[in-house]
């Protein structure tokens, strides 16, 4: 019970941080990574999908989701997510997509 309570508090704290700074992809990646550690892949994917909903013109969010899907779900979903990213009209800030994608990649690979 103690571990479940600590887990619940950790998740609540992470969600509270996201509520304070909803535009932050990094916070969402951390929460998704935590769900992966708990083997709650559907919840992790939902967090990453929510990150796209928060800023659908940020290509790095699609890249992070696609990488997650290719590792933890299936390659078909990953390809579809990348295809969705190609429909974005605006370009993200220079360097941000690369930084976030590398950071997320390190997180997913460390968890495996």
C-alpha atoms as a PDB file:
ATOM      1  CA  UNK A   1       0.000   0.000   0.000  1.00  0.00           C
ATOM      2  CA  UNK A   2       2.809   2.414   0.846  1.00  0.00           C
ATOM      3  CA  UNK A   3       4.361   2.022  -2.595  1.00  0.00           C
ATOM      4  CA  UNK A   4       1.016   2.581  -4.313  1.00  0.00           C
ATOM      5  CA  UNK A   5       0.443   5.715  -2.237  1.00  0.00           C
ATOM      6  CA  UNK A   6       3.913   7.023  -3.116  1.00  0.00           C
ATOM      7  CA  UNK A   7       3.293   6.250  -6.783  1.00  0.00           C
ATOM      8  CA  UNK A   8      -0.048   8.059  -6.685  1.00  0.00           C
ATOM      9  CA  UNK A   9       1.558  11.090  -5.024  1.00  0.00           C
ATOM     10  CA  UNK A  10       4.364  11.129  -7.583  1.00  0.00           C
ATOM     11  CA  UNK A  11       1.912  11.017 -10.482  1.00  0.00           C
ATOM     12  CA  UNK A  12      -0.238  13.734  -8.898  1.00  0.00           C
ATOM     13  CA  UNK A  13       2.817  15.948  -8.400  1.00  0.00           C
ATOM     14  CA  UNK A  14       3.883  15.465 -12.021  1.00  0.00           C
ATOM     15  CA  UNK A  15       0.378  16.285 -13.249  1.00  0.00           C
ATOM     16  CA  UNK A  16       0.309  19.389 -11.045  1.00  0.00           C
ATOM     17  CA  UNK A  17       3.560  20.556 -12.638  1.00  0.00           C
ATOM     18  CA  UNK A  18       2.077  20.003 -16.092  1.00  0.00           C
ATOM     19  CA  UNK A  19      -0.971  22.045 -15.064  1.00  0.00           C
ATOM     20  CA  UNK A  20       1.333  24.899 -14.030  1.00  0.00           C
ATOM     21  CA  UNK A  21       3.337  24.728 -17.245  1.00  0.00           C
ATOM     22  CA  UNK A  22       1.156  22.976 -19.855  1.00  0.00           C
ATOM     23  CA  UNK A  23       3.362  24.041 -22.757  1.00  0.00           C
ATOM     24  CA  UNK A  24       6.369  22.152 -21.386  1.00  0.00           C
ATOM     25  CA  UNK A  25       7.043  19.012 -23.393  1.00  0.00           C
ATOM     26  CA  UNK A  26       9.808  17.980 -21.005  1.00  0.00           C
ATOM     27  CA  UNK A  27       7.389  17.612 -18.074  1.00  0.00           C
ATOM     28  CA  UNK A  28       5.081  15.465 -20.163  1.00  0.00           C
ATOM     29  CA  UNK A  29       7.981  13.279 -21.278  1.00  0.00           C
ATOM     30  CA  UNK A  30       8.960  12.766 -17.638  1.00  0.00           C
ATOM     31  CA  UNK A  31       5.416  11.697 -16.723  1.00  0.00           C
ATOM     32  CA  UNK A  32       5.216   9.381 -19.731  1.00  0.00           C
ATOM     33  CA  UNK A  33       8.598   7.890 -18.779  1.00  0.00           C
ATOM     34  CA  UNK A  34       7.336   7.286 -15.263  1.00  0.00           C
ATOM     35  CA  UNK A  35       4.298   5.465 -16.652  1.00  0.00           C
ATOM     36  CA  UNK A  36       6.628   3.357 -18.816  1.00  0.00           C
ATOM     37  CA  UNK A  37       8.577   2.396 -15.693  1.00  0.00           C
ATOM     38  CA  UNK A  38       5.270   1.285 -14.158  1.00  0.00           C
ATOM     39  CA  UNK A  39       4.500  -0.646 -17.371  1.00  0.00           C
ATOM     40  CA  UNK A  40       1.443   1.540 -17.978  1.00  0.00           C
ATOM     41  CA  UNK A  41       2.103   2.046 -21.661  1.00  0.00           C
ATOM     42  CA  UNK A  42      -1.425   3.181 -22.546  1.00  0.00           C
ATOM     43  CA  UNK A  43      -1.209   5.980 -19.980  1.00  0.00           C
ATOM     44  CA  UNK A  44       2.246   6.950 -21.247  1.00  0.00           C
ATOM     45  CA  UNK A  45       0.929   7.162 -24.785  1.00  0.00           C
ATOM     46  CA  UNK A  46      -2.059   9.232 -23.625  1.00  0.00           C
ATOM     47  CA  UNK A  47       0.285  11.747 -21.972  1.00  0.00           C
ATOM     48  CA  UNK A  48       2.241  12.083 -25.220  1.00  0.00           C
ATOM     49  CA  UNK A  49      -0.949  12.419 -27.266  1.00  0.00           C
ATOM     50  CA  UNK A  50      -2.074  15.144 -24.867  1.00  0.00           C
ATOM     51  CA  UNK A  51       1.223  16.929 -25.500  1.00  0.00           C
ATOM     52  CA  UNK A  52       0.343  17.090 -29.185  1.00  0.00           C
ATOM     53  CA  UNK A  53      -3.103  18.448 -28.352  1.00  0.00           C
ATOM     54  CA  UNK A  54      -1.434  21.121 -26.206  1.00  0.00           C
ATOM     55  CA  UNK A  55       0.661  22.328 -29.170  1.00  0.00           C
ATOM     56  CA  UNK A  56      -0.237  20.600 -32.450  1.00  0.00           C
ATOM     57  CA  UNK A  57       2.214  22.754 -34.432  1.00  0.00           C
ATOM     58  CA  UNK A  58       5.295  21.522 -32.555  1.00  0.00           C
ATOM     59  CA  UNK A  59       6.888  18.769 -34.638  1.00  0.00           C
ATOM     60  CA  UNK A  60       9.071  17.619 -31.730  1.00  0.00           C
ATOM     61  CA  UNK A  61       5.939  16.356 -29.946  1.00  0.00           C
ATOM     62  CA  UNK A  62       5.151  14.078 -32.875  1.00  0.00           C
ATOM     63  CA  UNK A  63       8.742  12.865 -32.988  1.00  0.00           C
ATOM     64  CA  UNK A  64       8.677  11.965 -29.286  1.00  0.00           C
ATOM     65  CA  UNK A  65       5.363  10.112 -29.647  1.00  0.00           C
ATOM     66  CA  UNK A  66       6.580   8.329 -32.771  1.00  0.00           C
ATOM     67  CA  UNK A  67       9.729   7.137 -31.058  1.00  0.00           C
ATOM     68  CA  UNK A  68       7.719   5.901 -28.074  1.00  0.00           C
ATOM     69  CA  UNK A  69       5.357   4.052 -30.413  1.00  0.00           C
ATOM     70  CA  UNK A  70       8.180   2.462 -32.378  1.00  0.00           C
ATOM     71  CA  UNK A  71       9.759   1.118 -29.182  1.00  0.00           C
ATOM     72  CA  UNK A  72       6.702   0.255 -27.089  1.00  0.00           C
ATOM     73  CA  UNK A  73       3.770  -0.116 -29.473  1.00  0.00           C
ATOM     74  CA  UNK A  74       4.091  -0.798 -33.181  1.00  0.00           C
ATOM     75  CA  UNK A  75       5.873   0.636 -36.145  1.00  0.00           C
ATOM     76  CA  UNK A  76       2.610   1.309 -38.021  1.00  0.00           C
ATOM     77  CA  UNK A  77       1.438   3.734 -35.343  1.00  0.00           C
ATOM     78  CA  UNK A  78       4.865   5.383 -35.366  1.00  0.00           C
ATOM     79  CA  UNK A  79       4.759   5.884 -39.142  1.00  0.00           C
ATOM     80  CA  UNK A  80       1.251   7.377 -38.951  1.00  0.00           C
ATOM     81  CA  UNK A  81       2.398   9.809 -36.272  1.00  0.00           C
ATOM     82  CA  UNK A  82       5.314  10.900 -38.470  1.00  0.00           C
ATOM     83  CA  UNK A  83       2.929  11.339 -41.403  1.00  0.00           C
ATOM     84  CA  UNK A  84       0.770  13.560 -39.177  1.00  0.00           C
ATOM     85  CA  UNK A  85       3.874  15.621 -38.376  1.00  0.00           C
ATOM     86  CA  UNK A  86       4.459  16.290 -42.066  1.00  0.00           C
ATOM     87  CA  UNK A  87       1.139  18.131 -42.192  1.00  0.00           C
ATOM     88  CA  UNK A  88       2.347  20.818 -39.787  1.00  0.00           C
ATOM     89  CA  UNK A  89       2.489  24.250 -41.387  1.00  0.00           C
ATOM     90  CA  UNK A  90       4.707  26.034 -38.871  1.00  0.00           C
ATOM     91  CA  UNK A  91       8.258  25.090 -38.049  1.00  0.00           C
ATOM     92  CA  UNK A  92       9.304  24.709 -34.386  1.00  0.00           C
ATOM     93  CA  UNK A  93      12.095  26.849 -32.994  1.00  0.00           C
ATOM     94  CA  UNK A  94      15.481  25.876 -34.373  1.00  0.00           C
ATOM     95  CA  UNK A  95      17.061  23.162 -32.275  1.00  0.00           C
ATOM     96  CA  UNK A  96      14.072  22.494 -30.007  1.00  0.00           C
ATOM     97  CA  UNK A  97      12.831  19.443 -31.912  1.00  0.00           C
ATOM     98  CA  UNK A  98      16.303  17.914 -32.012  1.00  0.00           C
ATOM     99  CA  UNK A  99      16.910  18.580 -28.321  1.00  0.00           C
ATOM    100  CA  UNK A 100      13.568  17.149 -27.196  1.00  0.00           C
ATOM    101  CA  UNK A 101      13.800  14.122 -29.471  1.00  0.00           C
ATOM    102  CA  UNK A 102      17.335  13.301 -28.235  1.00  0.00           C
ATOM    103  CA  UNK A 103      16.271  13.823 -24.622  1.00  0.00           C
ATOM    104  CA  UNK A 104      13.233  11.550 -25.043  1.00  0.00           C
ATOM    105  CA  UNK A 105      15.304   8.942 -26.854  1.00  0.00           C
ATOM    106  CA  UNK A 106      17.723   8.804 -23.956  1.00  0.00           C
ATOM    107  CA  UNK A 107      14.778   8.401 -21.543  1.00  0.00           C
ATOM    108  CA  UNK A 108      13.135   5.542 -23.481  1.00  0.00           C
ATOM    109  CA  UNK A 109      16.418   3.705 -23.997  1.00  0.00           C
ATOM    110  CA  UNK A 110      17.380   4.011 -20.328  1.00  0.00           C
ATOM    111  CA  UNK A 111      14.097   2.418 -19.299  1.00  0.00           C
ATOM    112  CA  UNK A 112      14.358  -0.644 -21.521  1.00  0.00           C
END
